[in-house]
Amino acid sequence: MEFTGATSAIRSVYSIGITILQIIAAQLDFDDDFSDLIEEADAEEIARRPDPRVPANGPDLETLKKLSAMAAASVQRFSKRIQVMPLLRQAREAASTLSTSEVPALKSEVERMAAELRRLRLAEEKAAELAAALTKRCELCFDEVSVEQVGSLMCPNEHLICSDCSPDMVRNFLERIGASDTMLDDHSSRGGLIPCVRHNPAFQPQCSRHYTDQSLARALPDEIFVGYRAAQDDVTENRIWHQHNQRFQEEVSRMQRQLEGEQATKREEAASTEFLRRQYPNAKMCPRCRCGPVINENCFDLQSHHNEASGRSRINNSCQQCGFFTRDWNQWLPWDGVLRRGYVDRG
């Protein structure tokens, strides 16, 4: 009988019949044998299927036959099913056949069976909840599979790929990154990790997590996992090469800037030297360290004003680099046009 949610007297009779049948047979599940009992609606067959746990002092055979007849009449096809009032009369007749001593025993047994039915229903509901918690839909083929299925692959956000889909997914991913420089660059930026299948924009909402090496090792055949690790090694080598190449390019750029700076300094010195050579054609240089150019703006007797106070300082006519001194200006050599810097030992 298809359940529609609608209620009526005739449907209530059917439910009563099913309940009586479950109490007689002490069975909650609708297995093939139980479904055959309902389909055949045979009172004699139902009476031959009582609960074997019913004690010897339980309801007598006559009462069992009447209850079986009530159950059979209540589960008949719609057109042959007993009406509510006749069913109630049969219930009263069944009750009237019980002796005074049997009524408490039957009542106790009914209560026990009802409690057993409630326990079985609760266990069934918990089992269904547990099965639902351990079952997820594959993101690719949409089959419902157990999360404990051997070979299934799941990201940290619990997006699952079944064991049939996970090897092909990883194999196709590795082939694509080998054929596309763009995908290879993206793969390298992720450190060689494979993103969740829901990372694809076709899935909404998207997932930004990656599959761990442990989950891939559990899910993949050996040859595919070896290919995955080989791709990771390639990414590592590629990253190391890029790092070394970047450092090399930075060093080349630094040396180029240094060289350009030195060349600019040399050009400036050459320009300054040429200017001084033209501006001061009579310039001299130290005969000891060749520091120059040195320009004499006053007299040629260098001794006459040497160490003479001038404001807060004193006039010093010795070489500013090595300390050479002579009173005769003519003993200084003509400047050779080379700018010299640095300390020259007096010895």
C-alpha atoms as a PDB file:
ATOM      1  CA  MET A   1       0.000   0.000   0.000  1.00  0.00           C
ATOM      2  CA  GLU A   2       1.493   3.305  -1.008  1.00  0.00           C
ATOM      3  CA  PHE A   3       1.747   5.871   1.769  1.00  0.00           C
ATOM      4  CA  THR A   4       0.221   9.224   0.825  1.00  0.00           C
ATOM      5  CA  GLY A   5      -0.133  10.910   4.208  1.00  0.00           C
ATOM      6  CA  ALA A   6      -3.947  10.976   3.954  1.00  0.00           C
ATOM      7  CA  THR A   7      -6.031   9.354   6.704  1.00  0.00           C
ATOM      8  CA  SER A   8      -9.347   7.504   6.559  1.00  0.00           C
ATOM      9  CA  ALA A   9     -11.223   4.807   8.480  1.00  0.00           C
ATOM     10  CA  ILE A  10     -10.288   2.108   5.987  1.00  0.00           C
ATOM     11  CA  ARG A  11      -6.581   3.086   6.190  1.00  0.00           C
ATOM     12  CA  SER A  12      -6.756   3.043   9.986  1.00  0.00           C
ATOM     13  CA  VAL A  13      -8.126  -0.504   9.792  1.00  0.00           C
ATOM     14  CA  TYR A  14      -5.137  -1.497   7.651  1.00  0.00           C
ATOM     15  CA  SER A  15      -2.736   0.040  10.208  1.00  0.00           C
ATOM     16  CA  ILE A  16      -4.472  -1.862  13.044  1.00  0.00           C
ATOM     17  CA  GLY A  17      -4.116  -5.085  11.079  1.00  0.00           C
ATOM     18  CA  ILE A  18      -0.397  -4.496  10.506  1.00  0.00           C
ATOM     19  CA  THR A  19       0.089  -3.761  14.228  1.00  0.00           C
ATOM     20  CA  ILE A  20      -1.767  -6.962  15.259  1.00  0.00           C
ATOM     21  CA  LEU A  21       0.302  -8.936  12.762  1.00  0.00           C
ATOM     22  CA  GLN A  22       3.548  -7.449  14.118  1.00  0.00           C
ATOM     23  CA  ILE A  23       2.494  -8.305  17.691  1.00  0.00           C
ATOM     24  CA  ILE A  24       1.602 -11.894  16.782  1.00  0.00           C
ATOM     25  CA  ALA A  25       4.814 -12.500  14.862  1.00  0.00           C
ATOM     26  CA  ALA A  26       6.928 -10.167  17.077  1.00  0.00           C
ATOM     27  CA  GLN A  27       8.483  -8.736  13.922  1.00  0.00           C
ATOM     28  CA  LEU A  28       9.144  -5.105  13.029  1.00  0.00           C
ATOM     29  CA  ASP A  29      10.954  -5.404   9.708  1.00  0.00           C
ATOM     30  CA  PHE A  30       9.013  -5.929   6.494  1.00  0.00           C
ATOM     31  CA  ASP A  31      11.146  -8.733   5.056  1.00  0.00           C
ATOM     32  CA  ASP A  32      10.003 -11.032   2.260  1.00  0.00           C
ATOM     33  CA  ASP A  33       8.251 -13.541   4.582  1.00  0.00           C
ATOM     34  CA  PHE A  34       6.415 -10.800   6.449  1.00  0.00           C
ATOM     35  CA  SER A  35       5.368  -9.110   3.199  1.00  0.00           C
ATOM     36  CA  ASP A  36       4.047 -12.477   1.964  1.00  0.00           C
ATOM     37  CA  LEU A  37       1.883 -12.768   5.084  1.00  0.00           C
ATOM     38  CA  ILE A  38       0.399  -9.348   4.362  1.00  0.00           C
ATOM     39  CA  GLU A  39      -0.108 -10.113   0.674  1.00  0.00           C
ATOM     40  CA  GLU A  40      -1.776 -13.502   1.281  1.00  0.00           C
ATOM     41  CA  ALA A  41      -3.881 -12.274   4.269  1.00  0.00           C
ATOM     42  CA  ASP A  42      -4.396 -15.917   5.361  1.00  0.00           C
ATOM     43  CA  ALA A  43      -5.574 -16.218   9.001  1.00  0.00           C
ATOM     44  CA  GLU A  44      -4.426 -19.843   9.335  1.00  0.00           C
ATOM     45  CA  GLU A  45      -0.949 -19.035   8.026  1.00  0.00           C
ATOM     46  CA  ILE A  46      -0.734 -16.069  10.413  1.00  0.00           C
ATOM     47  CA  ALA A  47      -1.748 -18.312  13.351  1.00  0.00           C
ATOM     48  CA  ARG A  48       1.121 -20.646  12.495  1.00  0.00           C
ATOM     49  CA  ARG A  49       3.641 -17.788  12.903  1.00  0.00           C
ATOM     50  CA  PRO A  50       3.317 -16.721  16.574  1.00  0.00           C
ATOM     51  CA  ASP A  51       6.198 -15.292  18.571  1.00  0.00           C
ATOM     52  CA  PRO A  52       8.135 -18.310  19.922  1.00  0.00           C
ATOM     53  CA  ARG A  53       9.000 -16.273  23.029  1.00  0.00           C
ATOM     54  CA  VAL A  54       5.354 -16.153  24.212  1.00  0.00           C
ATOM     55  CA  PRO A  55       5.255 -18.093  27.522  1.00  0.00           C
ATOM     56  CA  ALA A  56       3.274 -21.302  27.897  1.00  0.00           C
ATOM     57  CA  ASN A  57       0.730 -19.566  30.119  1.00  0.00           C
ATOM     58  CA  GLY A  58       0.099 -16.928  27.455  1.00  0.00           C
ATOM     59  CA  PRO A  59      -3.075 -16.467  25.340  1.00  0.00           C
ATOM     60  CA  ASP A  60      -4.751 -19.720  24.331  1.00  0.00           C
ATOM     61  CA  LEU A  61      -5.039 -21.066  20.781  1.00  0.00           C
ATOM     62  CA  GLU A  62      -8.609 -19.807  20.355  1.00  0.00           C
ATOM     63  CA  THR A  63      -7.615 -16.244  21.140  1.00  0.00           C
ATOM     64  CA  LEU A  64      -4.622 -16.523  18.762  1.00  0.00           C
ATOM     65  CA  LYS A  65      -6.956 -17.695  15.973  1.00  0.00           C
ATOM     66  CA  LYS A  66      -9.301 -14.758  16.546  1.00  0.00           C
ATOM     67  CA  LEU A  67      -6.435 -12.271  16.543  1.00  0.00           C
ATOM     68  CA  SER A  68      -5.077 -13.868  13.366  1.00  0.00           C
ATOM     69  CA  ALA A  69      -8.504 -13.576  11.744  1.00  0.00           C
ATOM     70  CA  MET A  70      -8.694  -9.893  12.727  1.00  0.00           C
ATOM     71  CA  ALA A  71      -5.228  -9.241  11.256  1.00  0.00           C
ATOM     72  CA  ALA A  72      -6.057 -11.104   8.021  1.00  0.00           C
ATOM     73  CA  ALA A  73      -9.369  -9.257   7.596  1.00  0.00           C
ATOM     74  CA  SER A  74      -7.692  -5.879   8.218  1.00  0.00           C
ATOM     75  CA  VAL A  75      -4.934  -6.262   5.599  1.00  0.00           C
ATOM     76  CA  GLN A  76      -7.166  -7.537   2.801  1.00  0.00           C
ATOM     77  CA  ARG A  77      -7.261  -5.625  -0.447  1.00  0.00           C
ATOM     78  CA  PHE A  78      -9.215  -2.408  -0.297  1.00  0.00           C
ATOM     79  CA  SER A  79     -12.499  -3.821  -1.639  1.00  0.00           C
ATOM     80  CA  LYS A  80     -12.466  -6.852   0.715  1.00  0.00           C
ATOM     81  CA  ARG A  81     -11.147  -5.153   3.830  1.00  0.00           C
ATOM     82  CA  ILE A  82     -13.242  -5.314   7.020  1.00  0.00           C
ATOM     83  CA  GLN A  83     -14.979  -2.152   8.217  1.00  0.00           C
ATOM     84  CA  VAL A  84     -14.266  -0.430  11.524  1.00  0.00           C
ATOM     85  CA  MET A  85     -17.385  -1.520  13.439  1.00  0.00           C
ATOM     86  CA  PRO A  86     -17.153  -5.249  12.560  1.00  0.00           C
ATOM     87  CA  LEU A  87     -13.488  -5.104  13.543  1.00  0.00           C
ATOM     88  CA  LEU A  88     -14.380  -3.646  16.937  1.00  0.00           C
ATOM     89  CA  ARG A  89     -16.984  -6.363  17.482  1.00  0.00           C
ATOM     90  CA  GLN A  90     -14.386  -9.047  16.712  1.00  0.00           C
ATOM     91  CA  ALA A  91     -12.024  -7.366  19.187  1.00  0.00           C
ATOM     92  CA  ARG A  92     -14.668  -7.507  21.923  1.00  0.00           C
ATOM     93  CA  GLU A  93     -15.406 -11.159  21.133  1.00  0.00           C
ATOM     94  CA  ALA A  94     -11.698 -11.994  21.338  1.00  0.00           C
ATOM     95  CA  ALA A  95     -11.462 -10.226  24.678  1.00  0.00           C
ATOM     96  CA  SER A  96     -14.563 -12.036  26.033  1.00  0.00           C
ATOM     97  CA  THR A  97     -12.962 -15.445  25.408  1.00  0.00           C
ATOM     98  CA  LEU A  98     -10.133 -14.699  27.814  1.00  0.00           C
ATOM     99  CA  SER A  99     -10.399 -16.015  31.349  1.00  0.00           C
ATOM    100  CA  THR A 100      -9.913 -13.656  34.272  1.00  0.00           C
ATOM    101  CA  SER A 101      -6.461 -15.092  34.916  1.00  0.00           C
ATOM    102  CA  GLU A 102      -5.372 -14.666  31.272  1.00  0.00           C
ATOM    103  CA  VAL A 103      -6.190 -10.977  30.990  1.00  0.00           C
ATOM    104  CA  PRO A 104      -3.294  -9.655  33.150  1.00  0.00           C
ATOM    105  CA  ALA A 105      -0.849 -12.052  31.453  1.00  0.00           C
ATOM    106  CA  LEU A 106      -2.001 -10.973  27.983  1.00  0.00           C
ATOM    107  CA  LYS A 107      -1.894  -7.308  28.972  1.00  0.00           C
ATOM    108  CA  SER A 108       1.629  -7.732  30.320  1.00  0.00           C
ATOM    109  CA  GLU A 109       2.737  -9.505  27.156  1.00  0.00           C
ATOM    110  CA  VAL A 110       1.199  -6.813  24.954  1.00  0.00           C
ATOM    111  CA  GLU A 111       2.998  -4.122  26.949  1.00  0.00           C
ATOM    112  CA  ARG A 112       6.238  -6.054  26.660  1.00  0.00           C
ATOM    113  CA  MET A 113       5.810  -6.411  22.897  1.00  0.00           C
ATOM    114  CA  ALA A 114       4.950  -2.734  22.548  1.00  0.00           C
ATOM    115  CA  ALA A 115       8.114  -1.800  24.457  1.00  0.00           C
ATOM    116  CA  GLU A 116      10.104  -4.163  22.253  1.00  0.00           C
ATOM    117  CA  LEU A 117       8.630  -2.547  19.141  1.00  0.00           C
ATOM    118  CA  ARG A 118       9.540   0.914  20.435  1.00  0.00           C
ATOM    119  CA  ARG A 119      13.089  -0.246  21.165  1.00  0.00           C
ATOM    120  CA  LEU A 120      13.426  -1.753  17.678  1.00  0.00           C
ATOM    121  CA  ARG A 121      12.068   1.401  16.041  1.00  0.00           C
ATOM    122  CA  LEU A 122      14.523   3.557  18.024  1.00  0.00           C
ATOM    123  CA  ALA A 123      17.424   1.274  17.095  1.00  0.00           C
ATOM    124  CA  GLU A 124      16.368   1.413  13.451  1.00  0.00           C
ATOM    125  CA  GLU A 125      16.200   5.221  13.529  1.00  0.00           C
ATOM    126  CA  LYS A 126      19.658   5.463  15.127  1.00  0.00           C
ATOM    127  CA  ALA A 127      21.078   3.034  12.573  1.00  0.00           C
ATOM    128  CA  ALA A 128      19.583   5.117   9.765  1.00  0.00           C
ATOM    129  CA  GLU A 129      21.068   8.317  11.238  1.00  0.00           C
ATOM    130  CA  LEU A 130      24.478   6.670  11.582  1.00  0.00           C
ATOM    131  CA  ALA A 131      24.342   5.358   8.020  1.00  0.00           C
ATOM    132  CA  ALA A 132      23.415   8.827   6.767  1.00  0.00           C
ATOM    133  CA  ALA A 133      26.346  10.380   8.679  1.00  0.00           C
ATOM    134  CA  LEU A 134      28.772   7.850   7.185  1.00  0.00           C
ATOM    135  CA  THR A 135      27.445   8.286   3.661  1.00  0.00           C
ATOM    136  CA  LYS A 136      28.300  11.103   1.252  1.00  0.00           C
ATOM    137  CA  ARG A 137      27.659  11.834  -2.389  1.00  0.00           C
ATOM    138  CA  CYS A 138      30.559  11.592  -4.823  1.00  0.00           C
ATOM    139  CA  GLU A 139      31.256  15.054  -6.291  1.00  0.00           C
ATOM    140  CA  LEU A 140      31.798  13.584  -9.771  1.00  0.00           C
ATOM    141  CA  CYS A 141      29.435  10.648 -10.324  1.00  0.00           C
ATOM    142  CA  PHE A 142      26.893  11.659  -7.593  1.00  0.00           C
ATOM    143  CA  ASP A 143      26.650   8.109  -6.204  1.00  0.00           C
ATOM    144  CA  GLU A 144      26.042   7.759  -2.479  1.00  0.00           C
ATOM    145  CA  VAL A 145      29.070   6.008  -0.981  1.00  0.00           C
ATOM    146  CA  SER A 146      30.441   5.326   2.486  1.00  0.00           C
ATOM    147  CA  VAL A 147      33.119   7.701   3.744  1.00  0.00           C
ATOM    148  CA  GLU A 148      35.022   4.594   4.845  1.00  0.00           C
ATOM    149  CA  GLN A 149      35.071   3.150   1.331  1.00  0.00           C
ATOM    150  CA  VAL A 150      38.549   1.914   0.411  1.00  0.00           C
ATOM    151  CA  GLY A 151      40.020   4.105  -2.329  1.00  0.00           C
ATOM    152  CA  SER A 152      37.723   7.094  -1.765  1.00  0.00           C
ATOM    153  CA  LEU A 153      39.342  10.542  -1.576  1.00  0.00           C
ATOM    154  CA  MET A 154      38.176  13.365   0.678  1.00  0.00           C
ATOM    155  CA  CYS A 155      39.511  16.887   1.222  1.00  0.00           C
ATOM    156  CA  PRO A 156      39.662  18.536   4.699  1.00  0.00           C
ATOM    157  CA  ASN A 157      36.235  20.096   3.986  1.00  0.00           C
ATOM    158  CA  GLU A 158      34.835  16.537   3.506  1.00  0.00           C
ATOM    159  CA  HIS A 159      34.134  16.809  -0.236  1.00  0.00           C
ATOM    160  CA  LEU A 160      34.287  13.158  -1.311  1.00  0.00           C
ATOM    161  CA  ILE A 161      35.297  11.408  -4.543  1.00  0.00           C
ATOM    162  CA  CYS A 162      34.491   7.703  -4.726  1.00  0.00           C
ATOM    163  CA  SER A 163      37.059   4.986  -5.392  1.00  0.00           C
ATOM    164  CA  ASP A 164      35.900   4.654  -9.014  1.00  0.00           C
ATOM    165  CA  CYS A 165      36.449   8.355  -9.790  1.00  0.00           C
ATOM    166  CA  SER A 166      39.517   9.323  -7.723  1.00  0.00           C
ATOM    167  CA  PRO A 167      42.251   7.560  -9.820  1.00  0.00           C
ATOM    168  CA  ASP A 168      40.970   9.009 -13.117  1.00  0.00           C
ATOM    169  CA  MET A 169      40.590  12.474 -11.579  1.00  0.00           C
ATOM    170  CA  VAL A 170      44.200  12.563 -10.345  1.00  0.00           C
ATOM    171  CA  ARG A 171      45.567  11.015 -13.557  1.00  0.00           C
ATOM    172  CA  ASN A 172      43.735  13.579 -15.740  1.00  0.00           C
ATOM    173  CA  PHE A 173      44.915  16.429 -13.501  1.00  0.00           C
ATOM    174  CA  LEU A 174      48.559  15.373 -13.815  1.00  0.00           C
ATOM    175  CA  GLU A 175      48.207  15.069 -17.589  1.00  0.00           C
ATOM    176  CA  ARG A 176      46.730  18.575 -17.843  1.00  0.00           C
ATOM    177  CA  ILE A 177      49.488  20.249 -15.841  1.00  0.00           C
ATOM    178  CA  GLY A 178      52.031  18.473 -18.032  1.00  0.00           C
ATOM    179  CA  ALA A 179      50.407  19.893 -21.168  1.00  0.00           C
ATOM    180  CA  SER A 180      49.728  23.476 -19.987  1.00  0.00           C
ATOM    181  CA  ASP A 181      52.354  25.988 -18.831  1.00  0.00           C
ATOM    182  CA  THR A 182      49.645  28.038 -17.127  1.00  0.00           C
ATOM    183  CA  MET A 183      48.387  25.073 -15.118  1.00  0.00           C
ATOM    184  CA  LEU A 184      51.982  24.099 -14.338  1.00  0.00           C
ATOM    185  CA  ASP A 185      52.647  27.582 -12.944  1.00  0.00           C
ATOM    186  CA  ASP A 186      49.470  27.393 -10.831  1.00  0.00           C
ATOM    187  CA  HIS A 187      50.475  23.937  -9.647  1.00  0.00           C
ATOM    188  CA  SER A 188      53.926  25.221  -8.706  1.00  0.00           C
ATOM    189  CA  SER A 189      52.419  28.134  -6.773  1.00  0.00           C
ATOM    190  CA  ARG A 190      50.446  25.605  -4.704  1.00  0.00           C
ATOM    191  CA  GLY A 191      53.626  23.703  -3.840  1.00  0.00           C
ATOM    192  CA  GLY A 192      52.667  20.696  -5.984  1.00  0.00           C
ATOM    193  CA  LEU A 193      49.434  20.009  -4.056  1.00  0.00           C
ATOM    194  CA  ILE A 194      46.281  18.858  -5.871  1.00  0.00           C
ATOM    195  CA  PRO A 195      43.275  21.120  -5.162  1.00  0.00           C
ATOM    196  CA  CYS A 196      39.864  19.813  -4.167  1.00  0.00           C
ATOM    197  CA  VAL A 197      37.709  18.957  -7.179  1.00  0.00           C
ATOM    198  CA  ARG A 198      35.342  21.763  -6.075  1.00  0.00           C
ATOM    199  CA  HIS A 199      38.159  24.276  -6.683  1.00  0.00           C
ATOM    200  CA  ASN A 200      36.837  24.316 -10.259  1.00  0.00           C
ATOM    201  CA  PRO A 201      34.609  27.392 -10.855  1.00  0.00           C
ATOM    202  CA  ALA A 202      31.931  25.026 -12.211  1.00  0.00           C
ATOM    203  CA  PHE A 203      31.235  24.041  -8.592  1.00  0.00           C
ATOM    204  CA  GLN A 204      29.438  26.472  -6.334  1.00  0.00           C
ATOM    205  CA  PRO A 205      30.378  27.130  -3.641  1.00  0.00           C
ATOM    206  CA  GLN A 206      34.029  26.556  -4.475  1.00  0.00           C
ATOM    207  CA  CYS A 207      36.509  24.882  -2.118  1.00  0.00           C
ATOM    208  CA  SER A 208      40.012  26.267  -1.561  1.00  0.00           C
ATOM    209  CA  ARG A 209      41.468  23.256   0.287  1.00  0.00           C
ATOM    210  CA  HIS A 210      43.891  20.625  -1.067  1.00  0.00           C
ATOM    211  CA  TYR A 211      44.168  16.862  -0.750  1.00  0.00           C
ATOM    212  CA  THR A 212      46.819  15.771   1.754  1.00  0.00           C
ATOM    213  CA  ASP A 213      49.603  13.370   0.828  1.00  0.00           C
ATOM    214  CA  GLN A 214      48.209  10.879   3.365  1.00  0.00           C
ATOM    215  CA  SER A 215      44.718  10.856   1.803  1.00  0.00           C
ATOM    216  CA  LEU A 216      46.184  10.489  -1.708  1.00  0.00           C
ATOM    217  CA  ALA A 217      48.440   7.636  -0.579  1.00  0.00           C
ATOM    218  CA  ARG A 218      45.417   5.777   0.854  1.00  0.00           C
ATOM    219  CA  ALA A 219      43.187   6.376  -2.158  1.00  0.00           C
ATOM    220  CA  LEU A 220      45.429   6.008  -5.215  1.00  0.00           C
ATOM    221  CA  PRO A 221      47.010   2.981  -6.881  1.00  0.00           C
ATOM    222  CA  ASP A 222      50.792   2.869  -6.519  1.00  0.00           C
ATOM    223  CA  GLU A 223      51.590   3.920 -10.090  1.00  0.00           C
ATOM    224  CA  ILE A 224      49.394   7.037  -9.922  1.00  0.00           C
ATOM    225  CA  PHE A 225      50.716   8.054  -6.501  1.00  0.00           C
ATOM    226  CA  VAL A 226      54.291   7.662  -7.789  1.00  0.00           C
ATOM    227  CA  GLY A 227      53.384   9.965 -10.684  1.00  0.00           C
ATOM    228  CA  TYR A 228      51.932  12.489  -8.220  1.00  0.00           C
ATOM    229  CA  ARG A 229      55.130  12.484  -6.121  1.00  0.00           C
ATOM    230  CA  ALA A 230      57.257  12.774  -9.270  1.00  0.00           C
ATOM    231  CA  ALA A 231      55.259  15.872 -10.262  1.00  0.00           C
ATOM    232  CA  GLN A 232      55.849  17.259  -6.755  1.00  0.00           C
ATOM    233  CA  ASP A 233      59.603  16.669  -7.152  1.00  0.00           C
ATOM    234  CA  ASP A 234      59.535  18.484 -10.499  1.00  0.00           C
ATOM    235  CA  VAL A 235      57.784  21.417  -8.844  1.00  0.00           C
ATOM    236  CA  THR A 236      60.398  21.500  -6.078  1.00  0.00           C
ATOM    237  CA  GLU A 237      63.280  21.410  -8.560  1.00  0.00           C
ATOM    238  CA  ASN A 238      61.608  24.075 -10.677  1.00  0.00           C
ATOM    239  CA  ARG A 239      61.103  26.302  -7.621  1.00  0.00           C
ATOM    240  CA  ILE A 240      64.766  25.874  -6.588  1.00  0.00           C
ATOM    241  CA  TRP A 241      65.909  26.702 -10.139  1.00  0.00           C
ATOM    242  CA  HIS A 242      63.740  29.823 -10.180  1.00  0.00           C
ATOM    243  CA  GLN A 243      65.102  30.910  -6.798  1.00  0.00           C
ATOM    244  CA  HIS A 244      68.710  30.484  -7.928  1.00  0.00           C
ATOM    245  CA  ASN A 245      67.977  32.187 -11.239  1.00  0.00           C
ATOM    246  CA  GLN A 246      66.349  35.102  -9.438  1.00  0.00           C
ATOM    247  CA  ARG A 247      69.346  35.508  -7.146  1.00  0.00           C
ATOM    248  CA  PHE A 248      71.680  35.316 -10.178  1.00  0.00           C
ATOM    249  CA  GLN A 249      69.677  37.978 -12.017  1.00  0.00           C
ATOM    250  CA  GLU A 250      69.726  40.190  -8.917  1.00  0.00           C
ATOM    251  CA  GLU A 251      73.521  39.800  -8.658  1.00  0.00           C
ATOM    252  CA  VAL A 252      73.943  40.589 -12.368  1.00  0.00           C
ATOM    253  CA  SER A 253      71.775  43.700 -11.954  1.00  0.00           C
ATOM    254  CA  ARG A 254      73.822  44.782  -8.907  1.00  0.00           C
ATOM    255  CA  MET A 255      77.096  44.339 -10.806  1.00  0.00           C
ATOM    256  CA  GLN A 256      75.708  46.246 -13.783  1.00  0.00           C
ATOM    257  CA  ARG A 257      74.679  49.128 -11.520  1.00  0.00           C
ATOM    258  CA  GLN A 258      78.101  49.072  -9.850  1.00  0.00           C
ATOM    259  CA  LEU A 259      79.868  49.048 -13.215  1.00  0.00           C
ATOM    260  CA  GLU A 260      77.706  51.861 -14.510  1.00  0.00           C
ATOM    261  CA  GLY A 261      78.462  53.835 -11.346  1.00  0.00           C
ATOM    262  CA  GLU A 262      82.193  53.266 -11.707  1.00  0.00           C
ATOM    263  CA  GLN A 263      82.091  54.239 -15.356  1.00  0.00           C
ATOM    264  CA  ALA A 264      80.140  57.376 -14.491  1.00  0.00           C
ATOM    265  CA  THR A 265      82.713  58.217 -11.794  1.00  0.00           C
ATOM    266  CA  LYS A 266      85.548  57.717 -14.279  1.00  0.00           C
ATOM    267  CA  ARG A 267      83.815  59.922 -16.814  1.00  0.00           C
ATOM    268  CA  GLU A 268      83.335  62.611 -14.175  1.00  0.00           C
ATOM    269  CA  GLU A 269      86.975  62.344 -13.108  1.00  0.00           C
ATOM    270  CA  ALA A 270      88.133  62.540 -16.712  1.00  0.00           C
ATOM    271  CA  ALA A 271      85.977  65.610 -17.275  1.00  0.00           C
ATOM    272  CA  SER A 272      87.262  67.214 -14.054  1.00  0.00           C
ATOM    273  CA  THR A 273      90.873  66.393 -14.955  1.00  0.00           C
ATOM    274  CA  GLU A 274      90.485  67.906 -18.417  1.00  0.00           C
ATOM    275  CA  PHE A 275      88.898  71.017 -16.929  1.00  0.00           C
ATOM    276  CA  LEU A 276      91.717  71.472 -14.390  1.00  0.00           C
ATOM    277  CA  ARG A 277      94.385  70.824 -17.005  1.00  0.00           C
ATOM    278  CA  ARG A 278      92.997  73.548 -19.216  1.00  0.00           C
ATOM    279  CA  GLN A 279      92.126  75.906 -16.371  1.00  0.00           C
ATOM    280  CA  TYR A 280      95.509  75.580 -14.625  1.00  0.00           C
ATOM    281  CA  PRO A 281      98.196  74.745 -17.190  1.00  0.00           C
ATOM    282  CA  ASN A 282     100.991  75.675 -14.669  1.00  0.00           C
ATOM    283  CA  ALA A 283      99.751  73.351 -11.908  1.00  0.00           C
ATOM    284  CA  LYS A 284     102.319  71.279 -10.011  1.00  0.00           C
ATOM    285  CA  MET A 285     102.369  67.925  -8.231  1.00  0.00           C
ATOM    286  CA  CYS A 286     104.260  66.558  -5.244  1.00  0.00           C
ATOM    287  CA  PRO A 287     107.617  65.091  -6.340  1.00  0.00           C
ATOM    288  CA  ARG A 288     107.313  62.392  -3.668  1.00  0.00           C
ATOM    289  CA  CYS A 289     103.748  61.034  -3.914  1.00  0.00           C
ATOM    290  CA  ARG A 290     102.710  62.778  -7.125  1.00  0.00           C
ATOM    291  CA  CYS A 291      99.561  64.166  -5.504  1.00  0.00           C
ATOM    292  CA  GLY A 292      98.148  66.929  -7.633  1.00  0.00           C
ATOM    293  CA  PRO A 293      97.195  69.258  -9.010  1.00  0.00           C
ATOM    294  CA  VAL A 294      98.655  71.865  -6.625  1.00  0.00           C
ATOM    295  CA  ILE A 295      98.178  75.517  -7.528  1.00  0.00           C
ATOM    296  CA  ASN A 296     100.369  78.375  -6.303  1.00  0.00           C
ATOM    297  CA  GLU A 297      98.285  81.513  -6.008  1.00  0.00           C
ATOM    298  CA  ASN A 298     100.859  83.766  -4.303  1.00  0.00           C
ATOM    299  CA  CYS A 299     104.670  83.863  -4.157  1.00  0.00           C
ATOM    300  CA  PHE A 300     107.183  81.198  -5.071  1.00  0.00           C
ATOM    301  CA  ASP A 301     108.880  81.251  -1.647  1.00  0.00           C
ATOM    302  CA  LEU A 302     106.884  78.634   0.187  1.00  0.00           C
ATOM    303  CA  GLN A 303     108.819  79.114   3.447  1.00  0.00           C
ATOM    304  CA  SER A 304     107.874  82.794   3.907  1.00  0.00           C
ATOM    305  CA  HIS A 305     104.248  82.105   4.854  1.00  0.00           C
ATOM    306  CA  HIS A 306     104.495  78.444   5.941  1.00  0.00           C
ATOM    307  CA  ASN A 307     102.742  77.886   9.316  1.00  0.00           C
ATOM    308  CA  GLU A 308     101.642  81.500   9.376  1.00  0.00           C
ATOM    309  CA  ALA A 309      98.381  82.132  11.242  1.00  0.00           C
ATOM    310  CA  SER A 310      95.441  83.010   9.001  1.00  0.00           C
ATOM    311  CA  GLY A 311      92.229  83.603  10.921  1.00  0.00           C
ATOM    312  CA  ARG A 312      91.505  80.490  12.970  1.00  0.00           C
ATOM    313  CA  SER A 313      93.825  78.272  10.890  1.00  0.00           C
ATOM    314  CA  ARG A 314      97.412  78.252   9.701  1.00  0.00           C
ATOM    315  CA  ILE A 315      98.873  78.254   6.203  1.00  0.00           C
ATOM    316  CA  ASN A 316     100.326  74.850   5.305  1.00  0.00           C
ATOM    317  CA  ASN A 317     102.520  74.779   2.161  1.00  0.00           C
ATOM    318  CA  SER A 318     103.490  71.104   2.533  1.00  0.00           C
ATOM    319  CA  CYS A 319     101.941  68.278   0.523  1.00  0.00           C
ATOM    320  CA  GLN A 320      98.460  67.603   1.927  1.00  0.00           C
ATOM    321  CA  GLN A 321      98.875  63.887   1.274  1.00  0.00           C
ATOM    322  CA  CYS A 322     102.426  62.867   2.233  1.00  0.00           C
ATOM    323  CA  GLY A 323     103.713  66.012   4.044  1.00  0.00           C
ATOM    324  CA  PHE A 324     106.580  66.767   1.612  1.00  0.00           C
ATOM    325  CA  PHE A 325     107.845  70.330   1.983  1.00  0.00           C
ATOM    326  CA  THR A 326     110.372  72.460   0.145  1.00  0.00           C
ATOM    327  CA  ARG A 327     110.630  76.225   0.132  1.00  0.00           C
ATOM    328  CA  ASP A 328     111.340  76.408  -3.609  1.00  0.00           C
ATOM    329  CA  TRP A 329     108.185  76.132  -5.691  1.00  0.00           C
ATOM    330  CA  ASN A 330     110.217  75.139  -8.734  1.00  0.00           C
ATOM    331  CA  GLN A 331     111.198  71.888  -7.060  1.00  0.00           C
ATOM    332  CA  TRP A 332     107.598  70.709  -7.362  1.00  0.00           C
ATOM    333  CA  LEU A 333     107.042  68.748 -10.598  1.00  0.00           C
ATOM    334  CA  PRO A 334     104.683  69.834 -13.371  1.00  0.00           C
ATOM    335  CA  TRP A 335     101.310  68.098 -12.916  1.00  0.00           C
ATOM    336  CA  ASP A 336     100.926  65.120 -15.267  1.00  0.00           C
ATOM    337  CA  GLY A 337      97.129  65.461 -15.522  1.00  0.00           C
ATOM    338  CA  VAL A 338      96.257  62.479 -13.271  1.00  0.00           C
ATOM    339  CA  LEU A 339      94.049  62.898 -10.182  1.00  0.00           C
ATOM    340  CA  ARG A 340      95.566  60.818  -7.374  1.00  0.00           C
ATOM    341  CA  ARG A 341      93.933  59.934  -4.055  1.00  0.00           C
ATOM    342  CA  GLY A 342      94.935  57.880  -1.025  1.00  0.00           C
ATOM    343  CA  TYR A 343      97.650  57.949   1.561  1.00  0.00           C
ATOM    344  CA  VAL A 344     101.308  57.603   0.436  1.00  0.00           C
ATOM    345  CA  ASP A 345     103.805  56.482   3.058  1.00  0.00           C
ATOM    346  CA  ARG A 346     106.317  59.214   3.898  1.00  0.00           C
ATOM    347  CA  GLY A 347     109.173  56.683   3.820  1.00  0.00           C
END
